[in-house]
């Protein structure tokens, strides 16, 4: 009987896929296209594009430092995250490495880095 049940998506496709590629593109375009006066979300478009492209959590992305990016922009090392607890920001330690060639293309990643570097 268990063999007759349909498999969950995660059993057939191990990659995270909360949104389809089309939905992801629409979300990013909505951020880029926000033209309201004053406070708008256009500023967050590169950050959202990075999150979707790499597949990390916002707290992991916020905790990134330039030293966590390999020289060739091929590896991204998440060595912790930055979370807010009450009025304090706390750095949590833990690590994972993402090979960027499989997630966000290197060209796109370099474009995001150069467009938003300090």
C-alpha atoms as a PDB file:
ATOM      1  CA  UNK A   1       0.000   0.000   0.000  1.00  0.00           C
ATOM      2  CA  UNK A   2       2.834   2.437   0.796  1.00  0.00           C
ATOM      3  CA  UNK A   3       4.263   1.877  -2.676  1.00  0.00           C
ATOM      4  CA  UNK A   4       1.016   3.193  -4.157  1.00  0.00           C
ATOM      5  CA  UNK A   5       1.192   6.551  -2.354  1.00  0.00           C
ATOM      6  CA  UNK A   6       2.621   9.458  -4.344  1.00  0.00           C
ATOM      7  CA  UNK A   7       6.083  10.585  -3.312  1.00  0.00           C
ATOM      8  CA  UNK A   8       6.637  13.965  -1.727  1.00  0.00           C
ATOM      9  CA  UNK A   9       8.459  16.476  -3.876  1.00  0.00           C
ATOM     10  CA  UNK A  10      11.522  16.363  -1.593  1.00  0.00           C
ATOM     11  CA  UNK A  11      11.828  12.605  -2.220  1.00  0.00           C
ATOM     12  CA  UNK A  12      12.168  13.032  -5.971  1.00  0.00           C
ATOM     13  CA  UNK A  13      13.908  16.431  -6.070  1.00  0.00           C
ATOM     14  CA  UNK A  14      16.275  17.159  -3.156  1.00  0.00           C
ATOM     15  CA  UNK A  15      16.785  20.815  -4.164  1.00  0.00           C
ATOM     16  CA  UNK A  16      14.753  23.383  -2.250  1.00  0.00           C
ATOM     17  CA  UNK A  17      11.907  24.559  -4.450  1.00  0.00           C
ATOM     18  CA  UNK A  18       9.437  26.643  -2.513  1.00  0.00           C
ATOM     19  CA  UNK A  19       8.848  28.707  -5.664  1.00  0.00           C
ATOM     20  CA  UNK A  20       9.028  27.783  -9.331  1.00  0.00           C
ATOM     21  CA  UNK A  21      11.579  29.584 -11.516  1.00  0.00           C
ATOM     22  CA  UNK A  22       8.767  31.670 -12.981  1.00  0.00           C
ATOM     23  CA  UNK A  23       7.482  32.648  -9.528  1.00  0.00           C
ATOM     24  CA  UNK A  24      11.017  33.510  -8.407  1.00  0.00           C
ATOM     25  CA  UNK A  25      11.513  35.751 -11.451  1.00  0.00           C
ATOM     26  CA  UNK A  26       8.179  37.477 -10.797  1.00  0.00           C
ATOM     27  CA  UNK A  27       9.059  38.137  -7.156  1.00  0.00           C
ATOM     28  CA  UNK A  28      12.439  39.627  -8.069  1.00  0.00           C
ATOM     29  CA  UNK A  29      10.872  41.765 -10.817  1.00  0.00           C
ATOM     30  CA  UNK A  30       8.270  43.089  -8.371  1.00  0.00           C
ATOM     31  CA  UNK A  31      11.075  44.188  -6.046  1.00  0.00           C
ATOM     32  CA  UNK A  32      12.973  45.815  -8.937  1.00  0.00           C
ATOM     33  CA  UNK A  33       9.844  47.488 -10.303  1.00  0.00           C
ATOM     34  CA  UNK A  34       8.636  49.109  -7.083  1.00  0.00           C
ATOM     35  CA  UNK A  35       8.330  52.768  -8.062  1.00  0.00           C
ATOM     36  CA  UNK A  36       6.500  54.170  -5.052  1.00  0.00           C
ATOM     37  CA  UNK A  37       7.772  57.491  -3.786  1.00  0.00           C
ATOM     38  CA  UNK A  38       9.634  57.486  -0.521  1.00  0.00           C
ATOM     39  CA  UNK A  39      10.250  54.123   1.074  1.00  0.00           C
ATOM     40  CA  UNK A  40      10.037  51.309  -1.475  1.00  0.00           C
ATOM     41  CA  UNK A  41      11.401  47.806  -1.879  1.00  0.00           C
ATOM     42  CA  UNK A  42      13.557  48.375  -4.972  1.00  0.00           C
ATOM     43  CA  UNK A  43      16.618  48.704  -2.727  1.00  0.00           C
ATOM     44  CA  UNK A  44      16.157  45.090  -1.566  1.00  0.00           C
ATOM     45  CA  UNK A  45      16.036  43.567  -5.086  1.00  0.00           C
ATOM     46  CA  UNK A  46      19.739  42.527  -5.183  1.00  0.00           C
ATOM     47  CA  UNK A  47      19.456  41.006  -1.695  1.00  0.00           C
ATOM     48  CA  UNK A  48      16.342  39.017  -2.642  1.00  0.00           C
ATOM     49  CA  UNK A  49      17.993  37.912  -5.902  1.00  0.00           C
ATOM     50  CA  UNK A  50      21.016  36.746  -3.903  1.00  0.00           C
ATOM     51  CA  UNK A  51      18.831  34.808  -1.434  1.00  0.00           C
ATOM     52  CA  UNK A  52      16.972  33.026  -4.229  1.00  0.00           C
ATOM     53  CA  UNK A  53      20.147  32.383  -6.225  1.00  0.00           C
ATOM     54  CA  UNK A  54      22.192  30.965  -3.374  1.00  0.00           C
ATOM     55  CA  UNK A  55      19.421  29.419  -1.305  1.00  0.00           C
ATOM     56  CA  UNK A  56      20.560  30.694   2.064  1.00  0.00           C
ATOM     57  CA  UNK A  57      18.553  32.099   4.938  1.00  0.00           C
ATOM     58  CA  UNK A  58      18.383  35.891   5.403  1.00  0.00           C
ATOM     59  CA  UNK A  59      20.271  35.617   8.724  1.00  0.00           C
ATOM     60  CA  UNK A  60      23.072  33.694   6.972  1.00  0.00           C
ATOM     61  CA  UNK A  61      23.328  36.295   4.212  1.00  0.00           C
ATOM     62  CA  UNK A  62      23.385  39.145   6.736  1.00  0.00           C
ATOM     63  CA  UNK A  63      26.220  37.401   8.602  1.00  0.00           C
ATOM     64  CA  UNK A  64      28.413  37.150   5.483  1.00  0.00           C
ATOM     65  CA  UNK A  65      31.717  38.977   5.330  1.00  0.00           C
ATOM     66  CA  UNK A  66      33.980  39.491   2.314  1.00  0.00           C
ATOM     67  CA  UNK A  67      36.450  36.957   3.744  1.00  0.00           C
ATOM     68  CA  UNK A  68      33.780  34.240   3.337  1.00  0.00           C
ATOM     69  CA  UNK A  69      33.907  34.515  -0.471  1.00  0.00           C
ATOM     70  CA  UNK A  70      36.645  32.650  -2.352  1.00  0.00           C
ATOM     71  CA  UNK A  71      38.963  34.632  -4.645  1.00  0.00           C
ATOM     72  CA  UNK A  72      37.356  33.217  -7.796  1.00  0.00           C
ATOM     73  CA  UNK A  73      33.820  33.723  -6.401  1.00  0.00           C
ATOM     74  CA  UNK A  74      33.249  29.988  -6.760  1.00  0.00           C
ATOM     75  CA  UNK A  75      32.693  29.123  -3.097  1.00  0.00           C
ATOM     76  CA  UNK A  76      30.704  30.862  -0.442  1.00  0.00           C
ATOM     77  CA  UNK A  77      31.397  29.849   3.144  1.00  0.00           C
ATOM     78  CA  UNK A  78      28.657  30.546   5.666  1.00  0.00           C
ATOM     79  CA  UNK A  79      30.478  30.520   8.999  1.00  0.00           C
ATOM     80  CA  UNK A  80      27.599  31.822  11.038  1.00  0.00           C
ATOM     81  CA  UNK A  81      24.522  33.958  11.002  1.00  0.00           C
ATOM     82  CA  UNK A  82      23.454  37.223  12.534  1.00  0.00           C
ATOM     83  CA  UNK A  83      20.134  37.206  14.387  1.00  0.00           C
ATOM     84  CA  UNK A  84      18.354  39.750  16.527  1.00  0.00           C
ATOM     85  CA  UNK A  85      17.234  38.712  19.994  1.00  0.00           C
ATOM     86  CA  UNK A  86      15.354  41.501  21.682  1.00  0.00           C
ATOM     87  CA  UNK A  87      17.402  44.646  21.115  1.00  0.00           C
ATOM     88  CA  UNK A  88      20.682  42.782  20.605  1.00  0.00           C
ATOM     89  CA  UNK A  89      22.256  41.354  17.482  1.00  0.00           C
ATOM     90  CA  UNK A  90      23.836  37.994  18.170  1.00  0.00           C
ATOM     91  CA  UNK A  91      26.273  36.127  15.928  1.00  0.00           C
ATOM     92  CA  UNK A  92      25.492  32.404  15.820  1.00  0.00           C
ATOM     93  CA  UNK A  93      28.245  30.015  14.798  1.00  0.00           C
ATOM     94  CA  UNK A  94      27.847  27.133  12.415  1.00  0.00           C
ATOM     95  CA  UNK A  95      29.097  26.506   8.922  1.00  0.00           C
ATOM     96  CA  UNK A  96      28.116  25.349   5.488  1.00  0.00           C
ATOM     97  CA  UNK A  97      29.708  25.828   2.102  1.00  0.00           C
ATOM     98  CA  UNK A  98      27.821  26.500  -1.108  1.00  0.00           C
ATOM     99  CA  UNK A  99      29.374  25.876  -4.522  1.00  0.00           C
ATOM    100  CA  UNK A 100      28.114  28.820  -6.522  1.00  0.00           C
ATOM    101  CA  UNK A 101      28.454  27.221  -9.938  1.00  0.00           C
ATOM    102  CA  UNK A 102      25.469  25.010  -9.086  1.00  0.00           C
ATOM    103  CA  UNK A 103      23.203  27.671  -7.655  1.00  0.00           C
ATOM    104  CA  UNK A 104      23.813  31.256  -8.659  1.00  0.00           C
ATOM    105  CA  UNK A 105      25.894  31.580 -11.810  1.00  0.00           C
ATOM    106  CA  UNK A 106      29.323  33.076 -11.223  1.00  0.00           C
ATOM    107  CA  UNK A 107      28.601  35.887 -13.669  1.00  0.00           C
ATOM    108  CA  UNK A 108      25.411  36.811 -11.810  1.00  0.00           C
ATOM    109  CA  UNK A 109      27.137  36.551  -8.440  1.00  0.00           C
ATOM    110  CA  UNK A 110      29.983  38.836  -9.553  1.00  0.00           C
ATOM    111  CA  UNK A 111      27.447  41.313 -10.935  1.00  0.00           C
ATOM    112  CA  UNK A 112      25.625  41.383  -7.592  1.00  0.00           C
ATOM    113  CA  UNK A 113      28.887  41.784  -5.674  1.00  0.00           C
ATOM    114  CA  UNK A 114      30.191  44.593  -7.855  1.00  0.00           C
ATOM    115  CA  UNK A 115      26.874  46.417  -7.916  1.00  0.00           C
ATOM    116  CA  UNK A 116      26.611  46.380  -4.132  1.00  0.00           C
ATOM    117  CA  UNK A 117      30.189  46.420  -2.863  1.00  0.00           C
ATOM    118  CA  UNK A 118      31.149  49.063  -0.289  1.00  0.00           C
END
